[in-house]
Amino acid sequence: MTDENAIIERLSALFVESLHIEAPSADTDLFETGILDSLQLVELLLQLERRFGFRTTIENLDLDNLRTLGRIALLVAARTSGAAPFGQREVVKLASRRGLR
């Protein structure tokens, strides 16, 4: 199992346990489908901080990085690897390579 798949599994558990939402597939758009509303987005950010140990500021927040579980997994991997935080272009580039939206 790749690190991204392991992160997606942890994110799926987060959705069920904390957001009380059945975990969507890795490429389901959480905003277009209405799965996440604004309050759930704030809770998601809080849970990412608690479970994965990184914080993001409003200035660094890019909603495209939170659009799908796959992209969230890429963001988590980038932020927890000790590397500098990825910007939108880098996460979108990685998502494109992996066939994620």
PDB file of N, CA and C in Angstrom:
ATOM      1  N   MET A   1       0.849  -1.175   0.000  1.00  0.00           N
ATOM      2  CA  MET A   1       0.000   0.000   0.000  1.00  0.00           C
ATOM      3  C   MET A   1       0.898   1.242   0.000  1.00  0.00           C
ATOM      4  N   THR A   2       0.625   2.182  -0.893  1.00  0.00           N
ATOM      5  CA  THR A   2       1.428   3.395  -0.950  1.00  0.00           C
ATOM      6  C   THR A   2       1.057   4.314   0.201  1.00  0.00           C
ATOM      7  N   ASP A   3       1.935   5.279   0.459  1.00  0.00           N
ATOM      8  CA  ASP A   3       1.659   6.266   1.504  1.00  0.00           C
ATOM      9  C   ASP A   3       0.357   7.000   1.218  1.00  0.00           C
ATOM     10  N   GLU A   4       0.133   7.349  -0.049  1.00  0.00           N
ATOM     11  CA  GLU A   4      -1.094   8.072  -0.398  1.00  0.00           C
ATOM     12  C   GLU A   4      -2.322   7.221  -0.123  1.00  0.00           C
ATOM     13  N   ASN A   5      -2.263   5.937  -0.437  1.00  0.00           N
ATOM     14  CA  ASN A   5      -3.396   5.058  -0.153  1.00  0.00           C
ATOM     15  C   ASN A   5      -3.634   4.937   1.343  1.00  0.00           C
ATOM     16  N   ALA A   6      -2.563   4.855   2.110  1.00  0.00           N
ATOM     17  CA  ALA A   6      -2.699   4.786   3.567  1.00  0.00           C
ATOM     18  C   ALA A   6      -3.319   6.079   4.102  1.00  0.00           C
ATOM     19  N   ILE A   7      -2.918   7.205   3.542  1.00  0.00           N
ATOM     20  CA  ILE A   7      -3.479   8.486   3.970  1.00  0.00           C
ATOM     21  C   ILE A   7      -4.955   8.562   3.587  1.00  0.00           C
ATOM     22  N   ILE A   8      -5.293   8.100   2.391  1.00  0.00           N
ATOM     23  CA  ILE A   8      -6.698   8.102   1.965  1.00  0.00           C
ATOM     24  C   ILE A   8      -7.538   7.241   2.913  1.00  0.00           C
ATOM     25  N   GLU A   9      -7.009   6.111   3.350  1.00  0.00           N
ATOM     26  CA  GLU A   9      -7.734   5.277   4.315  1.00  0.00           C
ATOM     27  C   GLU A   9      -7.946   6.017   5.628  1.00  0.00           C
ATOM     28  N   ARG A  10      -6.922   6.719   6.088  1.00  0.00           N
ATOM     29  CA  ARG A  10      -7.062   7.502   7.326  1.00  0.00           C
ATOM     30  C   ARG A  10      -8.055   8.639   7.134  1.00  0.00           C
ATOM     31  N   LEU A  11      -8.035   9.264   5.950  1.00  0.00           N
ATOM     32  CA  LEU A  11      -8.992  10.332   5.660  1.00  0.00           C
ATOM     33  C   LEU A  11     -10.417   9.789   5.612  1.00  0.00           C
ATOM     34  N   SER A  12     -10.585   8.613   5.052  1.00  0.00           N
ATOM     35  CA  SER A  12     -11.906   7.983   5.006  1.00  0.00           C
ATOM     36  C   SER A  12     -12.440   7.766   6.426  1.00  0.00           C
ATOM     37  N   ALA A  13     -11.573   7.307   7.315  1.00  0.00           N
ATOM     38  CA  ALA A  13     -11.968   7.121   8.713  1.00  0.00           C
ATOM     39  C   ALA A  13     -12.316   8.461   9.357  1.00  0.00           C
ATOM     40  N   LEU A  14     -11.544   9.487   9.044  1.00  0.00           N
ATOM     41  CA  LEU A  14     -11.815  10.835   9.558  1.00  0.00           C
ATOM     42  C   LEU A  14     -13.207  11.300   9.125  1.00  0.00           C
ATOM     43  N   PHE A  15     -13.553  11.091   7.862  1.00  0.00           N
ATOM     44  CA  PHE A  15     -14.864  11.513   7.354  1.00  0.00           C
ATOM     45  C   PHE A  15     -15.986  10.819   8.119  1.00  0.00           C
ATOM     46  N   VAL A  16     -15.837   9.529   8.366  1.00  0.00           N
ATOM     47  CA  VAL A  16     -16.885   8.778   9.057  1.00  0.00           C
ATOM     48  C   VAL A  16     -16.950   9.161  10.532  1.00  0.00           C
ATOM     49  N   GLU A  17     -15.802   9.173  11.192  1.00  0.00           N
ATOM     50  CA  GLU A  17     -15.764   9.377  12.642  1.00  0.00           C
ATOM     51  C   GLU A  17     -16.022  10.819  13.060  1.00  0.00           C
ATOM     52  N   SER A  18     -15.462  11.770  12.354  1.00  0.00           N
ATOM     53  CA  SER A  18     -15.535  13.167  12.784  1.00  0.00           C
ATOM     54  C   SER A  18     -16.575  13.998  12.046  1.00  0.00           C
ATOM     55  N   LEU A  19     -16.744  13.710  10.763  1.00  0.00           N
ATOM     56  CA  LEU A  19     -17.680  14.503   9.964  1.00  0.00           C
ATOM     57  C   LEU A  19     -19.024  13.788   9.796  1.00  0.00           C
ATOM     58  N   HIS A  20     -19.068  12.509  10.182  1.00  0.00           N
ATOM     59  CA  HIS A  20     -20.286  11.694  10.075  1.00  0.00           C
ATOM     60  C   HIS A  20     -20.807  11.650   8.643  1.00  0.00           C
ATOM     61  N   ILE A  21     -19.856  11.473   7.734  1.00  0.00           N
ATOM     62  CA  ILE A  21     -20.143  11.411   6.302  1.00  0.00           C
ATOM     63  C   ILE A  21     -19.535  10.126   5.774  1.00  0.00           C
ATOM     64  N   GLU A  22     -20.293   9.396   4.978  1.00  0.00           N
ATOM     65  CA  GLU A  22     -19.722   8.223   4.325  1.00  0.00           C
ATOM     66  C   GLU A  22     -18.601   8.692   3.416  1.00  0.00           C
ATOM     67  N   ALA A  23     -17.452   8.057   3.535  1.00  0.00           N
ATOM     68  CA  ALA A  23     -16.284   8.480   2.765  1.00  0.00           C
ATOM     69  C   ALA A  23     -16.516   8.278   1.275  1.00  0.00           C
ATOM     70  N   PRO A  24     -16.342   9.344   0.496  1.00  0.00           N
ATOM     71  CA  PRO A  24     -16.490   9.230  -0.958  1.00  0.00           C
ATOM     72  C   PRO A  24     -15.252   8.588  -1.579  1.00  0.00           C
ATOM     73  N   SER A  25     -15.330   8.322  -2.882  1.00  0.00           N
ATOM     74  CA  SER A  25     -14.147   7.805  -3.581  1.00  0.00           C
ATOM     75  C   SER A  25     -13.076   8.886  -3.602  1.00  0.00           C
ATOM     76  N   ALA A  26     -11.859   8.490  -3.903  1.00  0.00           N
ATOM     77  CA  ALA A  26     -10.716   9.400  -3.845  1.00  0.00           C
ATOM     78  C   ALA A  26     -10.812  10.557  -4.825  1.00  0.00           C
ATOM     79  N   ASP A  27     -11.590  10.410  -5.902  1.00  0.00           N
ATOM     80  CA  ASP A  27     -11.658  11.480  -6.901  1.00  0.00           C
ATOM     81  C   ASP A  27     -13.008  12.199  -6.941  1.00  0.00           C
ATOM     82  N   THR A  28     -13.869  11.963  -5.962  1.00  0.00           N
ATOM     83  CA  THR A  28     -15.153  12.660  -5.890  1.00  0.00           C
ATOM     84  C   THR A  28     -14.939  14.093  -5.437  1.00  0.00           C
ATOM     85  N   ASP A  29     -15.481  15.041  -6.171  1.00  0.00           N
ATOM     86  CA  ASP A  29     -15.352  16.453  -5.817  1.00  0.00           C
ATOM     87  C   ASP A  29     -16.266  16.745  -4.628  1.00  0.00           C
ATOM     88  N   LEU A  30     -15.662  17.064  -3.500  1.00  0.00           N
ATOM     89  CA  LEU A  30     -16.400  17.252  -2.260  1.00  0.00           C
ATOM     90  C   LEU A  30     -17.252  18.515  -2.259  1.00  0.00           C
ATOM     91  N   PHE A  31     -16.881  19.494  -3.074  1.00  0.00           N
ATOM     92  CA  PHE A  31     -17.616  20.754  -3.121  1.00  0.00           C
ATOM     93  C   PHE A  31     -18.732  20.701  -4.157  1.00  0.00           C
ATOM     94  N   GLU A  32     -18.413  20.236  -5.355  1.00  0.00           N
ATOM     95  CA  GLU A  32     -19.418  20.176  -6.420  1.00  0.00           C
ATOM     96  C   GLU A  32     -20.569  19.246  -6.061  1.00  0.00           C
ATOM     97  N   THR A  33     -20.275  18.175  -5.332  1.00  0.00           N
ATOM     98  CA  THR A  33     -21.315  17.222  -4.956  1.00  0.00           C
ATOM     99  C   THR A  33     -22.087  17.650  -3.712  1.00  0.00           C
ATOM    100  N   GLY A  34     -21.597  18.684  -3.026  1.00  0.00           N
ATOM    101  CA  GLY A  34     -22.260  19.145  -1.810  1.00  0.00           C
ATOM    102  C   GLY A  34     -21.962  18.281  -0.594  1.00  0.00           C
ATOM    103  N   ILE A  35     -20.978  17.408  -0.692  1.00  0.00           N
ATOM    104  CA  ILE A  35     -20.631  16.539   0.438  1.00  0.00           C
ATOM    105  C   ILE A  35     -20.132  17.368   1.619  1.00  0.00           C
ATOM    106  N   LEU A  36     -19.335  18.398   1.327  1.00  0.00           N
ATOM    107  CA  LEU A  36     -18.816  19.272   2.391  1.00  0.00           C
ATOM    108  C   LEU A  36     -19.487  20.635   2.324  1.00  0.00           C
ATOM    109  N   ASP A  37     -19.971  21.098   3.475  1.00  0.00           N
ATOM    110  CA  ASP A  37     -20.436  22.481   3.564  1.00  0.00           C
ATOM    111  C   ASP A  37     -19.374  23.282   4.328  1.00  0.00           C
ATOM    112  N   SER A  38     -19.619  24.545   4.548  1.00  0.00           N
ATOM    113  CA  SER A  38     -18.595  25.409   5.146  1.00  0.00           C
ATOM    114  C   SER A  38     -18.234  24.985   6.568  1.00  0.00           C
ATOM    115  N   LEU A  39     -19.198  24.570   7.359  1.00  0.00           N
ATOM    116  CA  LEU A  39     -18.893  24.133   8.719  1.00  0.00           C
ATOM    117  C   LEU A  39     -18.093  22.837   8.724  1.00  0.00           C
ATOM    118  N   GLN A  40     -18.434  21.935   7.836  1.00  0.00           N
ATOM    119  CA  GLN A  40     -17.692  20.681   7.743  1.00  0.00           C
ATOM    120  C   GLN A  40     -16.274  20.925   7.236  1.00  0.00           C
ATOM    121  N   LEU A  41     -16.104  21.920   6.388  1.00  0.00           N
ATOM    122  CA  LEU A  41     -14.763  22.266   5.914  1.00  0.00           C
ATOM    123  C   LEU A  41     -13.891  22.730   7.073  1.00  0.00           C
ATOM    124  N   VAL A  42     -14.450  23.553   7.951  1.00  0.00           N
ATOM    125  CA  VAL A  42     -13.700  24.012   9.126  1.00  0.00           C
ATOM    126  C   VAL A  42     -13.357  22.820  10.020  1.00  0.00           C
ATOM    127  N   GLU A  43     -14.307  21.926  10.220  1.00  0.00           N
ATOM    128  CA  GLU A  43     -14.050  20.721  11.026  1.00  0.00           C
ATOM    129  C   GLU A  43     -12.987  19.849  10.362  1.00  0.00           C
ATOM    130  N   LEU A  44     -13.035  19.730   9.044  1.00  0.00           N
ATOM    131  CA  LEU A  44     -12.010  18.967   8.324  1.00  0.00           C
ATOM    132  C   LEU A  44     -10.625  19.548   8.582  1.00  0.00           C
ATOM    133  N   LEU A  45     -10.494  20.861   8.480  1.00  0.00           N
ATOM    134  CA  LEU A  45      -9.194  21.503   8.722  1.00  0.00           C
ATOM    135  C   LEU A  45      -8.713  21.241  10.152  1.00  0.00           C
ATOM    136  N   LEU A  46      -9.624  21.314  11.111  1.00  0.00           N
ATOM    137  CA  LEU A  46      -9.281  21.035  12.501  1.00  0.00           C
ATOM    138  C   LEU A  46      -8.811  19.590  12.659  1.00  0.00           C
ATOM    139  N   GLN A  47      -9.521  18.656  12.038  1.00  0.00           N
ATOM    140  CA  GLN A  47      -9.157  17.252  12.145  1.00  0.00           C
ATOM    141  C   GLN A  47      -7.834  16.945  11.431  1.00  0.00           C
ATOM    142  N   LEU A  48      -7.576  17.610  10.316  1.00  0.00           N
ATOM    143  CA  LEU A  48      -6.282  17.427   9.640  1.00  0.00           C
ATOM    144  C   LEU A  48      -5.158  17.871  10.562  1.00  0.00           C
ATOM    145  N   GLU A  49      -5.372  18.982  11.253  1.00  0.00           N
ATOM    146  CA  GLU A  49      -4.366  19.475  12.195  1.00  0.00           C
ATOM    147  C   GLU A  49      -4.157  18.469  13.325  1.00  0.00           C
ATOM    148  N   ARG A  50      -5.238  17.970  13.888  1.00  0.00           N
ATOM    149  CA  ARG A  50      -5.141  17.040  15.019  1.00  0.00           C
ATOM    150  C   ARG A  50      -4.556  15.689  14.619  1.00  0.00           C
ATOM    151  N   ARG A  51      -5.017  15.140  13.512  1.00  0.00           N
ATOM    152  CA  ARG A  51      -4.626  13.773  13.150  1.00  0.00           C
ATOM    153  C   ARG A  51      -3.312  13.680  12.394  1.00  0.00           C
ATOM    154  N   PHE A  52      -2.963  14.751  11.669  1.00  0.00           N
ATOM    155  CA  PHE A  52      -1.746  14.690  10.861  1.00  0.00           C
ATOM    156  C   PHE A  52      -0.680  15.677  11.322  1.00  0.00           C
ATOM    157  N   GLY A  53      -1.026  16.537  12.272  1.00  0.00           N
ATOM    158  CA  GLY A  53      -0.031  17.384  12.907  1.00  0.00           C
ATOM    159  C   GLY A  53       0.487  18.553  12.094  1.00  0.00           C
ATOM    160  N   PHE A  54      -0.320  19.117  11.221  1.00  0.00           N
ATOM    161  CA  PHE A  54       0.128  20.326  10.530  1.00  0.00           C
ATOM    162  C   PHE A  54      -0.979  21.365  10.529  1.00  0.00           C
ATOM    163  N   ARG A  55      -0.566  22.609  10.489  1.00  0.00           N
ATOM    164  CA  ARG A  55      -1.510  23.721  10.459  1.00  0.00           C
ATOM    165  C   ARG A  55      -1.391  24.434   9.130  1.00  0.00           C
ATOM    166  N   THR A  56      -2.471  25.052   8.751  1.00  0.00           N
ATOM    167  CA  THR A  56      -2.451  25.887   7.561  1.00  0.00           C
ATOM    168  C   THR A  56      -3.090  27.214   7.918  1.00  0.00           C
ATOM    169  N   THR A  57      -2.645  28.255   7.281  1.00  0.00           N
ATOM    170  CA  THR A  57      -3.230  29.570   7.511  1.00  0.00           C
ATOM    171  C   THR A  57      -4.185  29.886   6.368  1.00  0.00           C
ATOM    172  N   ILE A  58      -5.036  30.841   6.606  1.00  0.00           N
ATOM    173  CA  ILE A  58      -5.984  31.261   5.575  1.00  0.00           C
ATOM    174  C   ILE A  58      -5.228  31.705   4.326  1.00  0.00           C
ATOM    175  N   GLU A  59      -4.101  32.370   4.510  1.00  0.00           N
ATOM    176  CA  GLU A  59      -3.316  32.843   3.375  1.00  0.00           C
ATOM    177  C   GLU A  59      -2.790  31.686   2.532  1.00  0.00           C
ATOM    178  N   ASN A  60      -2.500  30.565   3.166  1.00  0.00           N
ATOM    179  CA  ASN A  60      -1.952  29.405   2.462  1.00  0.00           C
ATOM    180  C   ASN A  60      -3.013  28.401   2.036  1.00  0.00           C
ATOM    181  N   LEU A  61      -4.254  28.667   2.386  1.00  0.00           N
ATOM    182  CA  LEU A  61      -5.330  27.740   2.082  1.00  0.00           C
ATOM    183  C   LEU A  61      -5.747  27.862   0.625  1.00  0.00           C
ATOM    184  N   ASP A  62      -5.728  26.750  -0.069  1.00  0.00           N
ATOM    185  CA  ASP A  62      -6.179  26.685  -1.451  1.00  0.00           C
ATOM    186  C   ASP A  62      -7.246  25.605  -1.526  1.00  0.00           C
ATOM    187  N   LEU A  63      -8.477  26.001  -1.768  1.00  0.00           N
ATOM    188  CA  LEU A  63      -9.582  25.048  -1.754  1.00  0.00           C
ATOM    189  C   LEU A  63      -9.401  23.932  -2.772  1.00  0.00           C
ATOM    190  N   ASP A  64      -8.678  24.173  -3.849  1.00  0.00           N
ATOM    191  CA  ASP A  64      -8.437  23.104  -4.826  1.00  0.00           C
ATOM    192  C   ASP A  64      -7.680  21.942  -4.195  1.00  0.00           C
ATOM    193  N   ASN A  65      -6.857  22.219  -3.190  1.00  0.00           N
ATOM    194  CA  ASN A  65      -6.118  21.158  -2.510  1.00  0.00           C
ATOM    195  C   ASN A  65      -7.015  20.330  -1.589  1.00  0.00           C
ATOM    196  N   LEU A  66      -8.234  20.818  -1.350  1.00  0.00           N
ATOM    197  CA  LEU A  66      -9.171  20.134  -0.462  1.00  0.00           C
ATOM    198  C   LEU A  66     -10.383  19.599  -1.227  1.00  0.00           C
ATOM    199  N   ARG A  67     -10.316  19.624  -2.529  1.00  0.00           N
ATOM    200  CA  ARG A  67     -11.462  19.292  -3.382  1.00  0.00           C
ATOM    201  C   ARG A  67     -11.801  17.803  -3.388  1.00  0.00           C
ATOM    202  N   THR A  68     -10.810  16.923  -3.285  1.00  0.00           N
ATOM    203  CA  THR A  68     -11.037  15.475  -3.297  1.00  0.00           C
ATOM    204  C   THR A  68     -10.180  14.819  -2.217  1.00  0.00           C
ATOM    205  N   LEU A  69     -10.533  13.604  -1.842  1.00  0.00           N
ATOM    206  CA  LEU A  69      -9.695  12.874  -0.883  1.00  0.00           C
ATOM    207  C   LEU A  69      -8.293  12.665  -1.444  1.00  0.00           C
ATOM    208  N   GLY A  70      -8.200  12.426  -2.744  1.00  0.00           N
ATOM    209  CA  GLY A  70      -6.893  12.243  -3.369  1.00  0.00           C
ATOM    210  C   GLY A  70      -6.015  13.473  -3.227  1.00  0.00           C
ATOM    211  N   ARG A  71      -6.594  14.633  -3.461  1.00  0.00           N
ATOM    212  CA  ARG A  71      -5.813  15.870  -3.327  1.00  0.00           C
ATOM    213  C   ARG A  71      -5.487  16.173  -1.868  1.00  0.00           C
ATOM    214  N   ILE A  72      -6.424  15.883  -0.975  1.00  0.00           N
ATOM    215  CA  ILE A  72      -6.136  16.080   0.450  1.00  0.00           C
ATOM    216  C   ILE A  72      -4.981  15.164   0.858  1.00  0.00           C
ATOM    217  N   ALA A  73      -4.982  13.940   0.356  1.00  0.00           N
ATOM    218  CA  ALA A  73      -3.896  13.000   0.668  1.00  0.00           C
ATOM    219  C   ALA A  73      -2.557  13.535   0.172  1.00  0.00           C
ATOM    220  N   LEU A  74      -2.533  14.125  -1.018  1.00  0.00           N
ATOM    221  CA  LEU A  74      -1.298  14.717  -1.540  1.00  0.00           C
ATOM    222  C   LEU A  74      -0.839  15.873  -0.659  1.00  0.00           C
ATOM    223  N   LEU A  75      -1.793  16.688  -0.226  1.00  0.00           N
ATOM    224  CA  LEU A  75      -1.468  17.808   0.656  1.00  0.00           C
ATOM    225  C   LEU A  75      -0.900  17.306   1.973  1.00  0.00           C
ATOM    226  N   VAL A  76      -1.553  16.316   2.566  1.00  0.00           N
ATOM    227  CA  VAL A  76      -1.078  15.746   3.828  1.00  0.00           C
ATOM    228  C   VAL A  76       0.322  15.160   3.651  1.00  0.00           C
ATOM    229  N   ALA A  77       0.528  14.412   2.573  1.00  0.00           N
ATOM    230  CA  ALA A  77       1.846  13.812   2.320  1.00  0.00           C
ATOM    231  C   ALA A  77       2.912  14.897   2.186  1.00  0.00           C
ATOM    232  N   ALA A  78       2.579  15.969   1.477  1.00  0.00           N
ATOM    233  CA  ALA A  78       3.545  17.052   1.286  1.00  0.00           C
ATOM    234  C   ALA A  78       3.846  17.770   2.598  1.00  0.00           C
ATOM    235  N   ARG A  79       2.822  18.003   3.379  1.00  0.00           N
ATOM    236  CA  ARG A  79       2.991  18.744   4.631  1.00  0.00           C
ATOM    237  C   ARG A  79       3.639  17.918   5.726  1.00  0.00           C
ATOM    238  N   THR A  80       3.496  16.617   5.691  1.00  0.00           N
ATOM    239  CA  THR A  80       4.037  15.792   6.768  1.00  0.00           C
ATOM    240  C   THR A  80       5.375  15.157   6.404  1.00  0.00           C
ATOM    241  N   SER A  81       5.838  15.371   5.175  1.00  0.00           N
ATOM    242  CA  SER A  81       7.100  14.764   4.751  1.00  0.00           C
ATOM    243  C   SER A  81       8.317  15.558   5.195  1.00  0.00           C
ATOM    244  N   GLY A  82       8.075  16.727   5.790  1.00  0.00           N
ATOM    245  CA  GLY A  82       9.187  17.572   6.179  1.00  0.00           C
ATOM    246  C   GLY A  82       9.606  18.515   5.083  1.00  0.00           C
ATOM    247  N   ALA A  83       8.992  18.385   3.917  1.00  0.00           N
ATOM    248  CA  ALA A  83       9.294  19.281   2.803  1.00  0.00           C
ATOM    249  C   ALA A  83       8.556  20.593   3.012  1.00  0.00           C
ATOM    250  N   ALA A  84       8.957  21.565   2.268  1.00  0.00           N
ATOM    251  CA  ALA A  84       8.261  22.846   2.303  1.00  0.00           C
ATOM    252  C   ALA A  84       6.828  22.635   1.827  1.00  0.00           C
ATOM    253  N   PRO A  85       5.897  23.417   2.367  1.00  0.00           N
ATOM    254  CA  PRO A  85       4.511  23.253   1.943  1.00  0.00           C
ATOM    255  C   PRO A  85       4.358  23.432   0.442  1.00  0.00           C
ATOM    256  N   PHE A  86       3.579  22.569  -0.167  1.00  0.00           N
ATOM    257  CA  PHE A  86       3.319  22.651  -1.597  1.00  0.00           C
ATOM    258  C   PHE A  86       2.345  23.774  -1.871  1.00  0.00           C
ATOM    259  N   GLY A  87       2.558  24.435  -2.967  1.00  0.00           N
ATOM    260  CA  GLY A  87       1.591  25.404  -3.448  1.00  0.00           C
ATOM    261  C   GLY A  87       0.595  24.714  -4.346  1.00  0.00           C
ATOM    262  N   GLN A  88      -0.368  25.465  -4.826  1.00  0.00           N
ATOM    263  CA  GLN A  88      -1.433  24.892  -5.649  1.00  0.00           C
ATOM    264  C   GLN A  88      -0.873  24.200  -6.877  1.00  0.00           C
ATOM    265  N   ARG A  89       0.056  24.827  -7.569  1.00  0.00           N
ATOM    266  CA  ARG A  89       0.577  24.236  -8.804  1.00  0.00           C
ATOM    267  C   ARG A  89       1.193  22.873  -8.568  1.00  0.00           C
ATOM    268  N   GLU A  90       1.950  22.739  -7.470  1.00  0.00           N
ATOM    269  CA  GLU A  90       2.615  21.470  -7.207  1.00  0.00           C
ATOM    270  C   GLU A  90       1.608  20.376  -6.898  1.00  0.00           C
ATOM    271  N   VAL A  91       0.581  20.665  -6.094  1.00  0.00           N
ATOM    272  CA  VAL A  91      -0.409  19.650  -5.760  1.00  0.00           C
ATOM    273  C   VAL A  91      -1.225  19.290  -6.991  1.00  0.00           C
ATOM    274  N   VAL A  92      -1.614  20.289  -7.787  1.00  0.00           N
ATOM    275  CA  VAL A  92      -2.372  20.022  -9.010  1.00  0.00           C
ATOM    276  C   VAL A  92      -1.538  19.192  -9.966  1.00  0.00           C
ATOM    277  N   LYS A  93      -0.231  19.488 -10.069  1.00  0.00           N
ATOM    278  CA  LYS A  93       0.666  18.726 -10.935  1.00  0.00           C
ATOM    279  C   LYS A  93       0.743  17.271 -10.473  1.00  0.00           C
ATOM    280  N   LEU A  94       0.880  17.057  -9.171  1.00  0.00           N
ATOM    281  CA  LEU A  94       0.912  15.697  -8.642  1.00  0.00           C
ATOM    282  C   LEU A  94      -0.417  14.996  -8.868  1.00  0.00           C
ATOM    283  N   ALA A  95      -1.503  15.707  -8.674  1.00  0.00           N
ATOM    284  CA  ALA A  95      -2.834  15.118  -8.876  1.00  0.00           C
ATOM    285  C   ALA A  95      -3.017  14.701 -10.323  1.00  0.00           C
ATOM    286  N   SER A  96      -2.553  15.512 -11.254  1.00  0.00           N
ATOM    287  CA  SER A  96      -2.691  15.190 -12.669  1.00  0.00           C
ATOM    288  C   SER A  96      -1.904  13.942 -13.012  1.00  0.00           C
ATOM    289  N   ARG A  97      -0.710  13.810 -12.445  1.00  0.00           N
ATOM    290  CA  ARG A  97       0.119  12.641 -12.719  1.00  0.00           C
ATOM    291  C   ARG A  97      -0.524  11.364 -12.208  1.00  0.00           C
ATOM    292  N   ARG A  98      -1.299  11.486 -11.155  1.00  0.00           N
ATOM    293  CA  ARG A  98      -1.918  10.307 -10.556  1.00  0.00           C
ATOM    294  C   ARG A  98      -3.346  10.087 -11.043  1.00  0.00           C
ATOM    295  N   GLY A  99      -3.781  10.911 -11.984  1.00  0.00           N
ATOM    296  CA  GLY A  99      -5.118  10.745 -12.547  1.00  0.00           C
ATOM    297  C   GLY A  99      -6.234  11.247 -11.665  1.00  0.00           C
ATOM    298  N   LEU A 100      -5.895  12.104 -10.682  1.00  0.00           N
ATOM    299  CA  LEU A 100      -6.905  12.673  -9.801  1.00  0.00           C
ATOM    300  C   LEU A 100      -7.319  14.025 -10.345  1.00  0.00           C
ATOM    301  N   ARG A 101      -8.520  14.453 -10.036  1.00  0.00           N
ATOM    302  CA  ARG A 101      -8.988  15.749 -10.505  1.00  0.00           C
ATOM    303  C   ARG A 101      -8.291  16.878  -9.829  1.00  0.00           C
TER     304      ARG A 101
END
